[in-house]
Amino acid sequence: MNIIVNDEQITFDGQTISDLTKQLNLPEAGVAIAIDSVIISREQWASYQLNEGSNLLIIKAACGG
């Protein structure tokens, strides 16, 4: 299916947010994900089903100043 991640369309082979984090090789910590401007708690990632055209914003924490 095609979804939008940080304003870029990608082809996604899985079903859940957890599947997406694996596909994108995201770190275990320091990541927040919002769908349609609503933050999804990490506890929901394994069960939250993505749909064709889902629009996600992924934010990664960064060190520095």
PDB file of N, CA and C in Angstrom:
ATOM      1  N   MET A   1       0.842  -1.169   0.000  1.00  0.00           N
ATOM      2  CA  MET A   1       0.000   0.000   0.000  1.00  0.00           C
ATOM      3  C   MET A   1       0.888   1.234   0.000  1.00  0.00           C
ATOM      4  N   ASN A   2       0.333   2.342  -0.403  1.00  0.00           N
ATOM      5  CA  ASN A   2       1.063   3.603  -0.395  1.00  0.00           C
ATOM      6  C   ASN A   2       0.601   4.447   0.777  1.00  0.00           C
ATOM      7  N   ILE A   3       1.572   4.959   1.537  1.00  0.00           N
ATOM      8  CA  ILE A   3       1.286   5.857   2.644  1.00  0.00           C
ATOM      9  C   ILE A   3       2.196   7.076   2.509  1.00  0.00           C
ATOM     10  N   ILE A   4       1.910   8.099   3.289  1.00  0.00           N
ATOM     11  CA  ILE A   4       2.713   9.315   3.256  1.00  0.00           C
ATOM     12  C   ILE A   4       3.438   9.437   4.589  1.00  0.00           C
ATOM     13  N   VAL A   5       4.764   9.535   4.517  1.00  0.00           N
ATOM     14  CA  VAL A   5       5.594   9.682   5.709  1.00  0.00           C
ATOM     15  C   VAL A   5       6.404  10.953   5.561  1.00  0.00           C
ATOM     16  N   ASN A   6       6.197  11.887   6.466  1.00  0.00           N
ATOM     17  CA  ASN A   6       6.901  13.178   6.438  1.00  0.00           C
ATOM     18  C   ASN A   6       6.826  13.807   5.047  1.00  0.00           C
ATOM     19  N   ASP A   7       5.625  13.852   4.510  1.00  0.00           N
ATOM     20  CA  ASP A   7       5.314  14.485   3.221  1.00  0.00           C
ATOM     21  C   ASP A   7       5.885  13.769   2.005  1.00  0.00           C
ATOM     22  N   GLU A   8       6.328  12.517   2.159  1.00  0.00           N
ATOM     23  CA  GLU A   8       6.816  11.729   1.021  1.00  0.00           C
ATOM     24  C   GLU A   8       6.020  10.439   0.927  1.00  0.00           C
ATOM     25  N   GLN A   9       5.558  10.114  -0.262  1.00  0.00           N
ATOM     26  CA  GLN A   9       4.816   8.869  -0.467  1.00  0.00           C
ATOM     27  C   GLN A   9       5.800   7.708  -0.504  1.00  0.00           C
ATOM     28  N   ILE A  10       5.481   6.652   0.248  1.00  0.00           N
ATOM     29  CA  ILE A  10       6.300   5.443   0.224  1.00  0.00           C
ATOM     30  C   ILE A  10       5.405   4.231   0.040  1.00  0.00           C
ATOM     31  N   THR A  11       5.991   3.143  -0.413  1.00  0.00           N
ATOM     32  CA  THR A  11       5.293   1.866  -0.499  1.00  0.00           C
ATOM     33  C   THR A  11       5.561   1.116   0.791  1.00  0.00           C
ATOM     34  N   PHE A  12       4.493   0.690   1.436  1.00  0.00           N
ATOM     35  CA  PHE A  12       4.584   0.027   2.732  1.00  0.00           C
ATOM     36  C   PHE A  12       4.086  -1.403   2.588  1.00  0.00           C
ATOM     37  N   ASP A  13       4.897  -2.354   3.065  1.00  0.00           N
ATOM     38  CA  ASP A  13       4.585  -3.771   2.906  1.00  0.00           C
ATOM     39  C   ASP A  13       3.876  -4.384   4.115  1.00  0.00           C
ATOM     40  N   GLY A  14       3.800  -3.648   5.228  1.00  0.00           N
ATOM     41  CA  GLY A  14       3.215  -4.201   6.439  1.00  0.00           C
ATOM     42  C   GLY A  14       1.799  -3.730   6.676  1.00  0.00           C
ATOM     43  N   GLN A  15       1.404  -3.784   7.975  1.00  0.00           N
ATOM     44  CA  GLN A  15       0.044  -3.398   8.351  1.00  0.00           C
ATOM     45  C   GLN A  15       0.005  -2.415   9.507  1.00  0.00           C
ATOM     46  N   THR A  16       0.937  -2.536  10.447  1.00  0.00           N
ATOM     47  CA  THR A  16       0.878  -1.733  11.670  1.00  0.00           C
ATOM     48  C   THR A  16       2.020  -0.714  11.727  1.00  0.00           C
ATOM     49  N   ILE A  17       1.910   0.185  12.705  1.00  0.00           N
ATOM     50  CA  ILE A  17       2.986   1.152  12.912  1.00  0.00           C
ATOM     51  C   ILE A  17       4.280   0.422  13.276  1.00  0.00           C
ATOM     52  N   SER A  18       4.196  -0.630  14.065  1.00  0.00           N
ATOM     53  CA  SER A  18       5.401  -1.408  14.408  1.00  0.00           C
ATOM     54  C   SER A  18       6.064  -1.969  13.159  1.00  0.00           C
ATOM     55  N   ASP A  19       5.263  -2.455  12.227  1.00  0.00           N
ATOM     56  CA  ASP A  19       5.811  -2.951  10.963  1.00  0.00           C
ATOM     57  C   ASP A  19       6.551  -1.828  10.236  1.00  0.00           C
ATOM     58  N   LEU A  20       5.976  -0.642  10.263  1.00  0.00           N
ATOM     59  CA  LEU A  20       6.598   0.495   9.585  1.00  0.00           C
ATOM     60  C   LEU A  20       7.920   0.870  10.241  1.00  0.00           C
ATOM     61  N   THR A  21       7.979   0.862  11.573  1.00  0.00           N
ATOM     62  CA  THR A  21       9.222   1.217  12.245  1.00  0.00           C
ATOM     63  C   THR A  21      10.333   0.245  11.883  1.00  0.00           C
ATOM     64  N   LYS A  22       9.980  -1.019  11.695  1.00  0.00           N
ATOM     65  CA  LYS A  22      10.970  -2.017  11.269  1.00  0.00           C
ATOM     66  C   LYS A  22      11.397  -1.772   9.831  1.00  0.00           C
ATOM     67  N   GLN A  23      10.438  -1.483   8.961  1.00  0.00           N
ATOM     68  CA  GLN A  23      10.756  -1.237   7.543  1.00  0.00           C
ATOM     69  C   GLN A  23      11.672  -0.016   7.403  1.00  0.00           C
ATOM     70  N   LEU A  24      11.457   0.997   8.237  1.00  0.00           N
ATOM     71  CA  LEU A  24      12.251   2.224   8.145  1.00  0.00           C
ATOM     72  C   LEU A  24      13.491   2.197   9.044  1.00  0.00           C
ATOM     73  N   ASN A  25      13.705   1.083   9.747  1.00  0.00           N
ATOM     74  CA  ASN A  25      14.848   0.933  10.655  1.00  0.00           C
ATOM     75  C   ASN A  25      14.931   2.070  11.668  1.00  0.00           C
ATOM     76  N   LEU A  26      13.797   2.392  12.271  1.00  0.00           N
ATOM     77  CA  LEU A  26      13.764   3.449  13.275  1.00  0.00           C
ATOM     78  C   LEU A  26      14.291   2.927  14.600  1.00  0.00           C
ATOM     79  N   PRO A  27      14.929   3.799  15.394  1.00  0.00           N
ATOM     80  CA  PRO A  27      15.438   3.361  16.696  1.00  0.00           C
ATOM     81  C   PRO A  27      14.298   3.022  17.654  1.00  0.00           C
ATOM     82  N   GLU A  28      14.624   2.239  18.684  1.00  0.00           N
ATOM     83  CA  GLU A  28      13.627   1.817  19.673  1.00  0.00           C
ATOM     84  C   GLU A  28      13.142   2.986  20.534  1.00  0.00           C
ATOM     85  N   ALA A  29      14.002   3.963  20.760  1.00  0.00           N
ATOM     86  CA  ALA A  29      13.650   5.096  21.629  1.00  0.00           C
ATOM     87  C   ALA A  29      13.847   6.410  20.880  1.00  0.00           C
ATOM     88  N   GLY A  30      13.249   7.455  21.408  1.00  0.00           N
ATOM     89  CA  GLY A  30      13.456   8.783  20.839  1.00  0.00           C
ATOM     90  C   GLY A  30      12.674   9.049  19.568  1.00  0.00           C
ATOM     91  N   VAL A  31      11.565   8.325  19.383  1.00  0.00           N
ATOM     92  CA  VAL A  31      10.752   8.492  18.175  1.00  0.00           C
ATOM     93  C   VAL A  31       9.304   8.736  18.589  1.00  0.00           C
ATOM     94  N   ALA A  32       8.669   9.705  17.935  1.00  0.00           N
ATOM     95  CA  ALA A  32       7.235   9.948  18.117  1.00  0.00           C
ATOM     96  C   ALA A  32       6.585   9.872  16.744  1.00  0.00           C
ATOM     97  N   ILE A  33       5.383   9.321  16.702  1.00  0.00           N
ATOM     98  CA  ILE A  33       4.662   9.171  15.441  1.00  0.00           C
ATOM     99  C   ILE A  33       3.256   9.739  15.598  1.00  0.00           C
ATOM    100  N   ALA A  34       2.897  10.588  14.635  1.00  0.00           N
ATOM    101  CA  ALA A  34       1.546  11.152  14.603  1.00  0.00           C
ATOM    102  C   ALA A  34       0.884  10.743  13.296  1.00  0.00           C
ATOM    103  N   ILE A  35      -0.401  10.473  13.372  1.00  0.00           N
ATOM    104  CA  ILE A  35      -1.190  10.170  12.180  1.00  0.00           C
ATOM    105  C   ILE A  35      -2.308  11.200  12.125  1.00  0.00           C
ATOM    106  N   ASP A  36      -2.363  11.909  11.013  1.00  0.00           N
ATOM    107  CA  ASP A  36      -3.346  12.982  10.853  1.00  0.00           C
ATOM    108  C   ASP A  36      -3.317  13.929  12.052  1.00  0.00           C
ATOM    109  N   SER A  37      -2.107  14.315  12.470  1.00  0.00           N
ATOM    110  CA  SER A  37      -1.847  15.283  13.542  1.00  0.00           C
ATOM    111  C   SER A  37      -2.213  14.788  14.941  1.00  0.00           C
ATOM    112  N   VAL A  38      -2.392  13.492  15.115  1.00  0.00           N
ATOM    113  CA  VAL A  38      -2.685  12.916  16.430  1.00  0.00           C
ATOM    114  C   VAL A  38      -1.545  11.969  16.797  1.00  0.00           C
ATOM    115  N   ILE A  39      -0.883  12.255  17.934  1.00  0.00           N
ATOM    116  CA  ILE A  39       0.204  11.390  18.401  1.00  0.00           C
ATOM    117  C   ILE A  39      -0.370  10.032  18.793  1.00  0.00           C
ATOM    118  N   ILE A  40       0.282   8.974  18.311  1.00  0.00           N
ATOM    119  CA  ILE A  40      -0.112   7.606  18.646  1.00  0.00           C
ATOM    120  C   ILE A  40       0.865   7.086  19.691  1.00  0.00           C
ATOM    121  N   SER A  41       0.359   6.651  20.840  1.00  0.00           N
ATOM    122  CA  SER A  41       1.249   6.179  21.906  1.00  0.00           C
ATOM    123  C   SER A  41       1.960   4.899  21.467  1.00  0.00           C
ATOM    124  N   ARG A  42       3.169   4.750  21.965  1.00  0.00           N
ATOM    125  CA  ARG A  42       3.989   3.581  21.622  1.00  0.00           C
ATOM    126  C   ARG A  42       3.262   2.278  21.944  1.00  0.00           C
ATOM    127  N   GLU A  43       2.457   2.264  22.983  1.00  0.00           N
ATOM    128  CA  GLU A  43       1.721   1.055  23.359  1.00  0.00           C
ATOM    129  C   GLU A  43       0.740   0.617  22.272  1.00  0.00           C
ATOM    130  N   GLN A  44       0.318   1.540  21.418  1.00  0.00           N
ATOM    131  CA  GLN A  44      -0.636   1.226  20.357  1.00  0.00           C
ATOM    132  C   GLN A  44       0.032   0.822  19.044  1.00  0.00           C
ATOM    133  N   TRP A  45       1.323   0.986  18.921  1.00  0.00           N
ATOM    134  CA  TRP A  45       1.998   0.761  17.644  1.00  0.00           C
ATOM    135  C   TRP A  45       1.798  -0.647  17.093  1.00  0.00           C
ATOM    136  N   ALA A  46       1.820  -1.648  17.949  1.00  0.00           N
ATOM    137  CA  ALA A  46       1.703  -3.033  17.473  1.00  0.00           C
ATOM    138  C   ALA A  46       0.314  -3.359  16.954  1.00  0.00           C
ATOM    139  N   SER A  47      -0.701  -2.626  17.407  1.00  0.00           N
ATOM    140  CA  SER A  47      -2.067  -2.940  16.996  1.00  0.00           C
ATOM    141  C   SER A  47      -2.681  -1.892  16.066  1.00  0.00           C
ATOM    142  N   TYR A  48      -2.049  -0.729  15.921  1.00  0.00           N
ATOM    143  CA  TYR A  48      -2.622   0.346  15.111  1.00  0.00           C
ATOM    144  C   TYR A  48      -2.450   0.024  13.632  1.00  0.00           C
ATOM    145  N   GLN A  49      -3.543  -0.208  12.937  1.00  0.00           N
ATOM    146  CA  GLN A  49      -3.536  -0.586  11.532  1.00  0.00           C
ATOM    147  C   GLN A  49      -3.441   0.649  10.635  1.00  0.00           C
ATOM    148  N   LEU A  50      -2.489   0.633   9.720  1.00  0.00           N
ATOM    149  CA  LEU A  50      -2.376   1.709   8.746  1.00  0.00           C
ATOM    150  C   LEU A  50      -3.213   1.368   7.523  1.00  0.00           C
ATOM    151  N   ASN A  51      -3.681   2.395   6.839  1.00  0.00           N
ATOM    152  CA  ASN A  51      -4.519   2.220   5.661  1.00  0.00           C
ATOM    153  C   ASN A  51      -3.881   2.906   4.465  1.00  0.00           C
ATOM    154  N   GLU A  52      -4.321   2.529   3.287  1.00  0.00           N
ATOM    155  CA  GLU A  52      -3.889   3.199   2.066  1.00  0.00           C
ATOM    156  C   GLU A  52      -4.065   4.704   2.245  1.00  0.00           C
ATOM    157  N   GLY A  53      -3.000   5.455   1.991  1.00  0.00           N
ATOM    158  CA  GLY A  53      -3.054   6.904   2.079  1.00  0.00           C
ATOM    159  C   GLY A  53      -2.868   7.480   3.472  1.00  0.00           C
ATOM    160  N   SER A  54      -2.599   6.634   4.477  1.00  0.00           N
ATOM    161  CA  SER A  54      -2.356   7.163   5.821  1.00  0.00           C
ATOM    162  C   SER A  54      -1.254   8.216   5.747  1.00  0.00           C
ATOM    163  N   ASN A  55      -1.422   9.289   6.537  1.00  0.00           N
ATOM    164  CA  ASN A  55      -0.476  10.399   6.527  1.00  0.00           C
ATOM    165  C   ASN A  55       0.207  10.478   7.887  1.00  0.00           C
ATOM    166  N   LEU A  56       1.493  10.118   7.921  1.00  0.00           N
ATOM    167  CA  LEU A  56       2.231  10.050   9.186  1.00  0.00           C
ATOM    168  C   LEU A  56       3.303  11.119   9.248  1.00  0.00           C
ATOM    169  N   LEU A  57       3.539  11.589  10.466  1.00  0.00           N
ATOM    170  CA  LEU A  57       4.661  12.469  10.754  1.00  0.00           C
ATOM    171  C   LEU A  57       5.520  11.733  11.777  1.00  0.00           C
ATOM    172  N   ILE A  58       6.783  11.507  11.433  1.00  0.00           N
ATOM    173  CA  ILE A  58       7.710  10.829  12.328  1.00  0.00           C
ATOM    174  C   ILE A  58       8.724  11.861  12.803  1.00  0.00           C
ATOM    175  N   ILE A  59       8.855  11.953  14.128  1.00  0.00           N
ATOM    176  CA  ILE A  59       9.792  12.899  14.733  1.00  0.00           C
ATOM    177  C   ILE A  59      10.816  12.095  15.527  1.00  0.00           C
ATOM    178  N   LYS A  60      12.097  12.358  15.259  1.00  0.00           N
ATOM    179  CA  LYS A  60      13.182  11.692  15.981  1.00  0.00           C
ATOM    180  C   LYS A  60      13.901  12.709  16.834  1.00  0.00           C
ATOM    181  N   ALA A  61      14.157  12.332  18.081  1.00  0.00           N
ATOM    182  CA  ALA A  61      14.920  13.196  18.988  1.00  0.00           C
ATOM    183  C   ALA A  61      16.360  13.279  18.501  1.00  0.00           C
ATOM    184  N   ALA A  62      16.950  14.440  18.684  1.00  0.00           N
ATOM    185  CA  ALA A  62      18.350  14.639  18.281  1.00  0.00           C
ATOM    186  C   ALA A  62      19.107  15.299  19.420  1.00  0.00           C
ATOM    187  N   CYS A  63      20.354  14.909  19.573  1.00  0.00           N
ATOM    188  CA  CYS A  63      21.218  15.522  20.579  1.00  0.00           C
ATOM    189  C   CYS A  63      21.925  16.718  19.965  1.00  0.00           C
ATOM    190  N   GLY A  64      22.344  17.606  20.792  1.00  0.00           N
ATOM    191  CA  GLY A  64      23.108  18.739  20.302  1.00  0.00           C
ATOM    192  C   GLY A  64      22.498  20.040  20.763  1.00  0.00           C
ATOM    193  N   GLY A  65      23.091  21.098  20.292  1.00  0.00           N
ATOM    194  CA  GLY A  65      22.584  22.371  20.764  1.00  0.00           C
ATOM    195  C   GLY A  65      22.770  23.470  19.790  1.00  0.00           C
TER     196      GLY A  65
END
